Protein backbone atom coordinates (compact mmCIF):
# COMPACT_ATOMS: atom_id res chain seq x y z
CA MET A 1 -127.00 -74.00 6.44
CA SER A 2 -128.78 -70.91 5.17
CA PRO A 3 -127.09 -69.26 2.18
CA SER A 4 -125.48 -65.90 2.77
CA LEU A 5 -126.48 -62.72 0.97
CA GLU A 6 -123.36 -63.04 -1.14
CA GLU A 7 -124.16 -66.62 -1.99
CA THR A 8 -122.17 -68.21 -4.75
CA ILE A 9 -123.65 -71.02 -6.74
CA PRO A 10 -122.22 -74.23 -5.31
CA GLU A 11 -120.11 -76.69 -7.23
CA PRO A 12 -122.30 -79.06 -9.26
CA ALA A 13 -123.78 -81.82 -7.15
CA ALA A 14 -123.51 -85.45 -8.12
CA GLY A 15 -125.19 -85.96 -11.46
CA ILE A 16 -124.86 -82.34 -12.58
CA LEU A 17 -122.43 -81.81 -15.41
CA GLU A 18 -120.35 -78.68 -15.69
CA ALA A 19 -119.58 -76.82 -18.90
CA LYS A 20 -117.52 -79.16 -21.01
CA VAL A 21 -118.84 -78.97 -24.53
CA SER A 22 -116.81 -79.82 -27.58
CA PRO A 23 -116.80 -77.10 -30.22
CA CYS A 24 -119.62 -77.45 -32.74
CA CYS A 25 -120.55 -75.56 -35.83
CA THR A 26 -120.06 -71.82 -35.53
CA THR A 27 -122.38 -70.77 -38.34
CA ASP A 28 -125.11 -70.00 -35.80
CA VAL A 29 -122.79 -67.66 -33.87
CA ASP A 30 -122.55 -64.03 -34.96
CA SER A 31 -119.13 -62.82 -36.08
CA GLU A 32 -119.30 -59.97 -33.52
CA SER A 33 -119.43 -62.43 -30.64
CA LEU A 34 -116.82 -62.34 -27.91
CA THR A 35 -115.01 -65.51 -26.99
CA ALA A 36 -115.48 -66.88 -23.48
CA GLU A 37 -111.98 -65.69 -22.64
CA GLU A 38 -112.74 -62.16 -23.87
CA ALA A 39 -116.05 -62.04 -22.00
CA VAL A 40 -114.26 -62.54 -18.67
CA ASN A 41 -112.97 -58.97 -18.89
CA VAL A 42 -116.33 -57.39 -19.80
CA GLU A 43 -118.33 -55.58 -17.10
CA ASN A 44 -121.72 -56.81 -18.30
CA PRO A 45 -121.47 -59.77 -20.69
CA SER A 46 -124.78 -60.69 -22.32
CA LEU A 47 -126.10 -63.43 -24.60
CA GLN A 48 -128.08 -61.90 -27.46
CA VAL A 49 -130.09 -63.28 -30.35
CA THR A 50 -130.11 -61.47 -33.70
CA ALA A 51 -132.77 -61.06 -36.36
CA ASN A 52 -130.84 -63.37 -38.70
CA HIS A 53 -130.99 -66.38 -36.35
CA LYS A 54 -127.60 -66.03 -34.74
CA ILE A 55 -126.47 -65.66 -31.14
CA LYS A 56 -123.60 -63.62 -29.78
CA LEU A 57 -121.88 -62.91 -26.49
CA VAL A 58 -121.38 -59.15 -26.31
CA SER A 59 -121.03 -56.31 -23.84
CA ALA A 60 -124.26 -54.66 -22.70
CA PRO A 61 -124.68 -51.39 -20.79
CA LYS A 62 -125.08 -51.48 -17.02
CA LEU A 63 -128.24 -49.47 -16.37
CA ARG A 64 -129.32 -47.59 -13.24
CA PRO A 65 -132.70 -48.32 -11.65
CA GLY A 66 -135.43 -45.75 -12.10
CA HIS A 67 -138.52 -45.12 -10.00
CA GLY A 68 -139.94 -48.40 -8.70
CA GLU A 69 -137.03 -50.42 -10.10
CA VAL A 70 -134.12 -52.42 -8.72
CA LEU A 71 -130.73 -53.28 -10.18
CA LEU A 72 -130.09 -57.02 -9.96
CA HIS A 73 -126.97 -59.09 -10.16
CA ILE A 74 -128.37 -62.05 -12.11
CA LYS A 75 -126.77 -65.09 -10.53
CA VAL A 76 -128.72 -67.87 -12.25
CA THR A 77 -130.71 -68.06 -15.49
CA GLY A 78 -132.31 -71.21 -16.84
CA ILE A 79 -132.26 -71.87 -20.58
CA CYS A 80 -135.81 -72.34 -21.88
CA GLY A 81 -137.00 -73.99 -25.05
CA SER A 82 -138.37 -70.62 -26.12
CA ASP A 83 -134.83 -69.21 -26.07
CA ILE A 84 -133.82 -71.93 -28.53
CA HIS A 85 -136.94 -71.28 -30.60
CA PHE A 86 -136.18 -67.56 -30.93
CA TRP A 87 -132.62 -68.43 -31.94
CA LYS A 88 -133.41 -71.13 -34.47
CA THR A 89 -136.66 -69.84 -35.99
CA GLY A 90 -136.79 -66.16 -35.02
CA GLU A 91 -140.37 -66.30 -33.81
CA ILE A 92 -142.97 -67.92 -31.61
CA GLY A 93 -146.38 -67.18 -33.08
CA SER A 94 -146.75 -63.41 -33.32
CA LEU A 95 -143.61 -62.83 -31.21
CA LYS A 96 -140.79 -62.12 -33.64
CA VAL A 97 -137.11 -61.27 -33.29
CA ASN A 98 -136.71 -58.09 -35.31
CA GLY A 99 -133.39 -56.98 -33.83
CA ASP A 100 -130.76 -57.81 -31.23
CA CYS A 101 -132.25 -58.94 -27.93
CA ILE A 102 -130.77 -60.35 -24.73
CA LEU A 103 -132.37 -63.73 -24.08
CA GLY A 104 -133.34 -65.29 -20.74
CA HIS A 105 -136.29 -65.09 -18.38
CA GLU A 106 -135.88 -67.86 -15.74
CA ALA A 107 -133.82 -65.82 -13.31
CA ALA A 108 -132.74 -65.31 -9.72
CA GLY A 109 -130.13 -63.05 -8.21
CA VAL A 110 -129.24 -60.39 -5.65
CA VAL A 111 -130.44 -56.79 -5.33
CA LEU A 112 -127.56 -54.36 -5.83
CA GLU A 113 -129.31 -51.00 -5.96
CA ILE A 114 -132.75 -49.62 -5.12
CA GLY A 115 -134.60 -47.05 -7.18
CA GLU A 116 -136.76 -44.29 -5.75
CA GLY A 117 -140.08 -45.44 -4.33
CA VAL A 118 -139.10 -49.07 -3.68
CA SER A 119 -140.13 -50.27 -0.23
CA ASN A 120 -140.51 -54.06 -0.57
CA LEU A 121 -136.83 -54.82 -1.22
CA LYS A 122 -133.41 -53.73 0.02
CA LYS A 123 -129.80 -54.11 -1.05
CA GLY A 124 -128.53 -57.64 -0.58
CA ASP A 125 -131.94 -59.33 -0.84
CA ARG A 126 -131.89 -62.62 -2.70
CA VAL A 127 -134.72 -62.57 -5.21
CA ALA A 128 -136.49 -64.34 -8.06
CA MET A 129 -137.68 -62.39 -11.06
CA GLU A 130 -141.13 -62.67 -12.65
CA PRO A 131 -140.25 -61.75 -16.24
CA GLY A 132 -143.55 -60.35 -17.48
CA VAL A 133 -144.37 -56.72 -16.73
CA PRO A 134 -148.00 -55.90 -17.66
CA CYS A 135 -149.48 -52.43 -18.14
CA GLY A 136 -151.42 -52.65 -14.86
CA THR A 137 -154.38 -50.60 -16.09
CA CYS A 138 -156.27 -52.59 -18.75
CA PHE A 139 -159.36 -54.64 -17.84
CA LEU A 140 -157.35 -57.88 -17.89
CA CYS A 141 -154.79 -56.49 -15.44
CA THR A 142 -157.45 -55.12 -13.12
CA ASN A 143 -159.30 -58.48 -13.28
CA GLY A 144 -156.18 -60.38 -12.19
CA ARG A 145 -155.48 -61.92 -15.60
CA TYR A 146 -152.46 -59.77 -16.28
CA ASN A 147 -150.78 -62.59 -18.20
CA LEU A 148 -153.18 -61.79 -21.06
CA CYS A 149 -152.31 -58.08 -21.14
CA ASP A 150 -151.62 -56.91 -24.71
CA GLU A 151 -148.97 -54.48 -23.48
CA VAL A 152 -146.92 -56.93 -21.39
CA LYS A 153 -143.16 -56.36 -21.53
CA PHE A 154 -141.66 -59.82 -21.24
CA SER A 155 -137.96 -60.20 -20.53
CA GLY A 156 -136.10 -61.98 -23.29
CA VAL A 157 -138.78 -61.35 -25.91
CA TYR A 158 -137.83 -58.69 -28.44
CA PRO A 159 -137.53 -55.78 -27.85
CA TYR A 160 -137.30 -56.34 -24.07
CA HIS A 161 -133.90 -57.51 -22.89
CA GLY A 162 -133.74 -60.60 -20.71
CA SER A 163 -131.66 -62.03 -17.89
CA LEU A 164 -128.74 -63.66 -19.69
CA GLN A 165 -126.51 -60.83 -18.56
CA ARG A 166 -124.74 -59.92 -15.33
CA PHE A 167 -126.73 -56.77 -14.50
CA LYS A 168 -130.42 -56.23 -15.15
CA VAL A 169 -132.86 -53.53 -14.08
CA HIS A 170 -136.34 -54.86 -13.25
CA PRO A 171 -139.48 -53.47 -11.58
CA ALA A 172 -139.54 -54.22 -7.85
CA ARG A 173 -143.25 -55.10 -8.15
CA TRP A 174 -142.29 -58.17 -10.18
CA THR A 175 -139.29 -59.16 -8.07
CA TYR A 176 -139.82 -61.56 -5.16
CA LYS A 177 -137.62 -61.96 -2.12
CA ILE A 178 -136.84 -65.62 -1.52
CA PRO A 179 -136.27 -67.12 1.95
CA ASP A 180 -132.84 -68.13 3.21
CA SER A 181 -133.85 -71.80 2.94
CA MET A 182 -134.19 -71.49 -0.84
CA THR A 183 -131.16 -71.55 -3.12
CA LEU A 184 -130.83 -69.21 -6.08
CA THR A 185 -130.88 -72.27 -8.31
CA GLN A 186 -134.31 -73.10 -6.91
CA GLY A 187 -135.30 -69.46 -7.35
CA ALA A 188 -134.59 -69.73 -11.07
CA LEU A 189 -136.85 -72.80 -11.26
CA LEU A 190 -139.84 -70.76 -10.09
CA GLU A 191 -140.53 -69.55 -13.63
CA PRO A 192 -141.02 -72.97 -15.27
CA LEU A 193 -142.81 -74.12 -12.12
CA SER A 194 -145.16 -71.17 -12.56
CA VAL A 195 -146.10 -72.38 -16.04
CA VAL A 196 -147.16 -75.70 -14.57
CA LEU A 197 -148.96 -74.17 -11.58
CA HIS A 198 -151.02 -71.98 -13.90
CA GLY A 199 -151.88 -74.92 -16.14
CA ILE A 200 -152.91 -77.18 -13.28
CA SER A 201 -155.05 -74.43 -11.75
CA ARG A 202 -157.29 -74.60 -14.82
CA THR A 203 -157.89 -78.38 -14.64
CA ARG A 204 -159.64 -80.76 -12.28
CA LEU A 205 -156.53 -82.65 -11.25
CA SER A 206 -157.49 -84.40 -8.02
CA LEU A 207 -156.66 -87.08 -5.47
CA GLY A 208 -156.87 -90.61 -6.84
CA ARG A 209 -157.79 -89.61 -10.40
CA GLY A 210 -155.68 -90.57 -13.37
CA VAL A 211 -153.57 -88.13 -15.36
CA VAL A 212 -151.32 -88.28 -18.43
CA ILE A 213 -148.39 -85.93 -18.94
CA CYS A 214 -147.32 -85.65 -22.58
CA GLY A 215 -143.63 -84.85 -22.89
CA ALA A 216 -140.77 -85.54 -20.47
CA GLY A 217 -138.90 -82.28 -20.97
CA PRO A 218 -138.45 -79.78 -18.12
CA ILE A 219 -142.09 -78.60 -18.11
CA GLY A 220 -143.42 -82.14 -18.40
CA LEU A 221 -141.21 -83.33 -15.55
CA ILE A 222 -142.32 -80.46 -13.33
CA ALA A 223 -145.93 -81.33 -14.23
CA LEU A 224 -145.16 -84.94 -13.30
CA ALA A 225 -143.85 -83.92 -9.87
CA ALA A 226 -146.80 -81.57 -9.33
CA ALA A 227 -149.30 -84.24 -10.33
CA ARG A 228 -147.71 -86.66 -7.89
CA ALA A 229 -147.83 -84.05 -5.14
CA SER A 230 -151.52 -83.44 -5.87
CA GLY A 231 -152.33 -87.08 -5.16
CA ALA A 232 -153.32 -87.90 -8.73
CA HIS A 233 -153.05 -91.63 -9.53
CA PRO A 234 -152.28 -93.44 -11.76
CA ILE A 235 -149.84 -91.14 -13.55
CA VAL A 236 -148.52 -91.89 -17.03
CA ILE A 237 -145.86 -89.80 -18.78
CA THR A 238 -145.17 -90.15 -22.50
CA ASP A 239 -142.28 -89.19 -24.75
CA LEU A 240 -140.49 -90.26 -27.92
CA GLU A 241 -137.10 -90.53 -26.22
CA PRO A 242 -136.42 -93.52 -23.92
CA GLY A 243 -133.68 -91.60 -22.09
CA ARG A 244 -136.10 -88.94 -20.97
CA LEU A 245 -138.62 -91.55 -19.87
CA ALA A 246 -135.93 -93.26 -17.81
CA PHE A 247 -135.16 -89.90 -16.18
CA ALA A 248 -138.88 -89.45 -15.43
CA LYS A 249 -139.11 -92.88 -13.82
CA ASP A 250 -136.12 -92.11 -11.61
CA PHE A 251 -137.54 -88.68 -10.78
CA VAL A 252 -141.02 -89.98 -9.83
CA PRO A 253 -140.73 -93.77 -9.35
CA SER A 254 -144.48 -94.30 -8.96
CA CYS A 255 -145.24 -93.08 -12.48
CA HIS A 256 -145.75 -95.27 -15.52
CA THR A 257 -143.94 -94.45 -18.74
CA TYR A 258 -145.04 -94.90 -22.34
CA GLN A 259 -142.76 -94.44 -25.32
CA ILE A 260 -144.70 -93.07 -28.26
CA ASP A 261 -144.59 -95.50 -31.18
CA ARG A 262 -143.49 -93.56 -34.25
CA ASN A 263 -144.94 -96.29 -36.49
CA THR A 264 -148.41 -96.05 -34.98
CA ASP A 265 -150.97 -93.30 -35.54
CA ALA A 266 -152.39 -91.05 -32.82
CA LEU A 267 -155.42 -93.25 -32.24
CA GLY A 268 -153.23 -96.35 -31.87
CA ASN A 269 -150.94 -94.69 -29.34
CA ALA A 270 -153.93 -93.31 -27.46
CA SER A 271 -155.50 -96.75 -27.21
CA ALA A 272 -152.27 -98.19 -25.79
CA ILE A 273 -152.00 -95.38 -23.24
CA LYS A 274 -155.62 -95.80 -22.13
CA ARG A 275 -155.07 -99.53 -21.54
CA LEU A 276 -152.49 -98.61 -18.88
CA PHE A 277 -155.39 -97.20 -16.85
CA GLY A 278 -157.88 -100.00 -17.49
CA GLU A 279 -160.28 -101.38 -20.07
CA THR A 280 -163.28 -99.12 -19.52
CA GLU A 281 -163.96 -95.51 -20.46
CA TYR A 282 -164.59 -94.74 -16.80
CA GLU A 283 -161.01 -95.70 -15.95
CA ALA A 284 -159.54 -93.49 -18.69
CA PRO A 285 -157.55 -90.47 -17.47
CA GLU A 286 -159.67 -87.48 -16.51
CA THR A 287 -156.88 -84.99 -17.12
CA ILE A 288 -154.16 -84.63 -19.75
CA LEU A 289 -151.34 -82.14 -19.29
CA GLU A 290 -149.94 -81.74 -22.81
CA CYS A 291 -146.47 -80.25 -22.41
CA THR A 292 -145.02 -80.46 -25.92
CA GLY A 293 -147.27 -78.32 -28.13
CA VAL A 294 -146.62 -80.78 -30.95
CA GLU A 295 -149.73 -81.27 -33.08
CA ASN A 296 -149.61 -85.07 -33.18
CA SER A 297 -149.19 -85.18 -29.41
CA VAL A 298 -152.23 -82.95 -28.93
CA VAL A 299 -154.23 -85.24 -31.24
CA THR A 300 -153.08 -88.31 -29.31
CA ALA A 301 -154.06 -86.61 -26.06
CA ALA A 302 -157.53 -85.83 -27.43
CA TYR A 303 -158.12 -89.53 -28.12
CA THR A 304 -156.67 -90.50 -24.72
CA VAL A 305 -158.59 -88.30 -22.30
CA ARG A 306 -161.83 -89.58 -20.78
CA ARG A 307 -165.08 -88.26 -22.24
CA GLY A 308 -165.90 -85.02 -20.47
CA GLY A 309 -162.30 -84.69 -19.27
CA ASP A 310 -159.78 -81.85 -19.39
CA LEU A 311 -157.11 -81.58 -22.07
CA MET A 312 -154.79 -78.77 -20.98
CA VAL A 313 -152.26 -77.75 -23.64
CA ILE A 314 -149.33 -76.23 -21.78
CA GLY A 315 -146.77 -76.66 -24.56
CA VAL A 316 -146.11 -74.06 -27.25
CA GLY A 317 -146.34 -75.19 -30.86
CA LYS A 318 -147.00 -74.04 -34.39
CA SER A 319 -149.19 -71.04 -35.09
CA ILE A 320 -151.83 -73.20 -36.79
CA MET A 321 -152.90 -76.81 -36.21
CA ASN A 322 -155.08 -78.23 -38.97
CA ASN A 323 -155.59 -81.83 -37.89
CA LEU A 324 -157.28 -81.70 -34.50
CA PRO A 325 -160.12 -84.27 -34.30
CA PHE A 326 -162.81 -81.64 -33.96
CA MET A 327 -165.87 -83.89 -33.97
CA HIS A 328 -164.34 -86.33 -31.46
CA ILE A 329 -163.54 -83.43 -29.13
CA SER A 330 -167.04 -82.04 -29.64
CA LEU A 331 -169.02 -85.27 -29.24
CA ALA A 332 -166.97 -86.31 -26.21
CA GLU A 333 -167.36 -82.83 -24.65
CA ILE A 334 -163.64 -82.69 -24.02
CA ASN A 335 -162.58 -79.46 -22.34
CA LEU A 336 -159.72 -78.35 -24.61
CA LYS A 337 -157.88 -75.59 -22.77
CA PHE A 338 -154.74 -73.52 -23.21
CA ILE A 339 -152.59 -71.23 -21.12
CA ASN A 340 -150.51 -68.14 -21.73
CA ARG A 341 -147.70 -68.05 -19.19
CA TYR A 342 -149.03 -67.46 -15.63
CA SER A 343 -150.43 -65.03 -13.09
CA ASP A 344 -149.90 -64.80 -9.32
CA THR A 345 -147.81 -67.97 -9.08
CA TRP A 346 -144.47 -66.94 -7.53
CA PRO A 347 -145.71 -66.95 -3.89
CA ALA A 348 -147.27 -70.40 -4.36
CA GLY A 349 -144.12 -71.67 -6.05
CA ILE A 350 -141.92 -70.41 -3.22
CA SER A 351 -144.25 -72.07 -0.72
CA ALA A 352 -144.21 -75.39 -2.60
CA LEU A 353 -140.42 -75.52 -2.83
CA THR A 354 -139.59 -74.33 0.68
CA GLY A 355 -142.35 -76.43 2.23
CA GLY A 356 -141.05 -79.66 0.75
CA VAL A 357 -144.12 -80.17 -1.41
CA LEU A 358 -141.87 -80.32 -4.48
CA ASN A 359 -138.17 -80.95 -4.96
CA LEU A 360 -137.03 -80.03 -8.47
CA ASP A 361 -133.28 -80.00 -7.85
CA LYS A 362 -132.64 -83.11 -9.97
CA LEU A 363 -133.88 -81.33 -13.08
CA VAL A 364 -130.75 -79.18 -13.30
CA THR A 365 -128.42 -81.50 -15.19
CA HIS A 366 -125.84 -79.02 -16.50
CA THR A 367 -124.38 -75.68 -15.43
CA PHE A 368 -122.29 -73.17 -17.39
CA PRO A 369 -120.63 -69.90 -16.39
CA LEU A 370 -122.08 -66.78 -18.00
CA GLU A 371 -119.04 -66.44 -20.24
CA GLN A 372 -119.93 -69.82 -21.79
CA ALA A 373 -123.60 -69.06 -22.38
CA ILE A 374 -123.23 -69.87 -26.09
CA ASP A 375 -122.14 -73.41 -25.18
CA ALA A 376 -125.18 -73.68 -22.91
CA MET A 377 -127.46 -72.74 -25.81
CA LYS A 378 -125.79 -75.24 -28.13
CA LEU A 379 -126.18 -78.06 -25.64
CA CYS A 380 -129.81 -77.21 -24.95
CA SER A 381 -130.59 -77.23 -28.67
CA ASP A 382 -129.25 -80.78 -29.11
CA LEU A 383 -131.69 -83.21 -27.47
CA SER A 384 -129.40 -86.14 -28.22
CA LYS A 385 -127.02 -84.88 -25.49
CA GLY A 386 -129.49 -85.76 -22.74
CA SER A 387 -129.76 -82.43 -20.94
CA ILE A 388 -132.92 -81.58 -19.00
CA LYS A 389 -132.56 -78.12 -17.45
CA ILE A 390 -129.42 -76.09 -18.10
CA HIS A 391 -128.50 -73.20 -15.83
CA VAL A 392 -126.16 -70.34 -16.67
CA ILE A 393 -124.54 -69.05 -13.50
CA ASP A 394 -122.47 -66.00 -12.59
CA ASN A 395 -120.20 -66.20 -9.57
CA LYS A 396 -118.54 -62.84 -10.18
CA ASP A 397 -117.91 -61.06 -6.86
CA ILE A 398 -119.94 -57.85 -6.85
CA ASP A 399 -119.82 -55.34 -3.98
CA ILE A 400 -123.23 -54.67 -2.47
């Protein structure tokens, strides 16, 4: 059955856990924060991060859309590792939290109001939001590489407020109508899917060629599904945590899993991974999709990939890495590549999900109502709890 325009997020399916989190330490929560009970009576509750590494649930203004903008009722927002990073460390590279900022950028919802000059959307449309808004005039924007624009305004990155709120104004140009066959939950998965699509587009992933995915978190698992859909084989996924590897094996049964040995160096782990593909250099994986950004994982990947192969670092890590095996990478002519977000991926993502090329529904393991967004953040920050992708949902009835 196609969802209606006033779609509510369904009750959690089997295997999806709903918001039941025991209270944990409150030192990371700002004293100004509303309780979940208080937030129920607020018109626009929002989850904000502060400059002193705290989060708070507070009221935010409900804005009106200007020229070229739409007002959205944000129905679903996925919690991203970057949200946790901004909370716990206050920065990702040069991106720093210097004041209060509403987090969230993996979002889908319903159009409530149309600003002047908007022709591609109408009230009631179910949409997914591309969070980055580039300047549109620099040479990178005009060349189609708008993800590299220096002036990009990215939702959930200070000082640009994100989607962990009920009402958000966003440019219509970066808001995509989703078909009736797609749920809003799936719409919110388009953002992490876009990260993977952009990374894969810059590699030579191909039918019948081996690939390693480093990291079995949400991005790594999406990369695993995408690699399988591409026809790559064999596929090996690595992680430190056996629980995540078990999830990966259930998610894509044809993959092989490898638990990184903490007592072995990068070269030792790489040798063990390569043996899963065969004994010769020719059989070594041509492509590595590194989805952790952890330095030791990148080093392991460099020793694992076949000579002349592609090592695509999708994960986000420390500002500086000092221990990359430079001469090995150089002598082996390894193509060490990186990405910054994505460009022109939402249409392809919609096509992949609605066409049955990918099914990412299993990745959503927990859901929380908007009023319990703090609990969602706490759970996401504790890897021992076994969450994969956490969605914050808002089923508030809003007149269109």
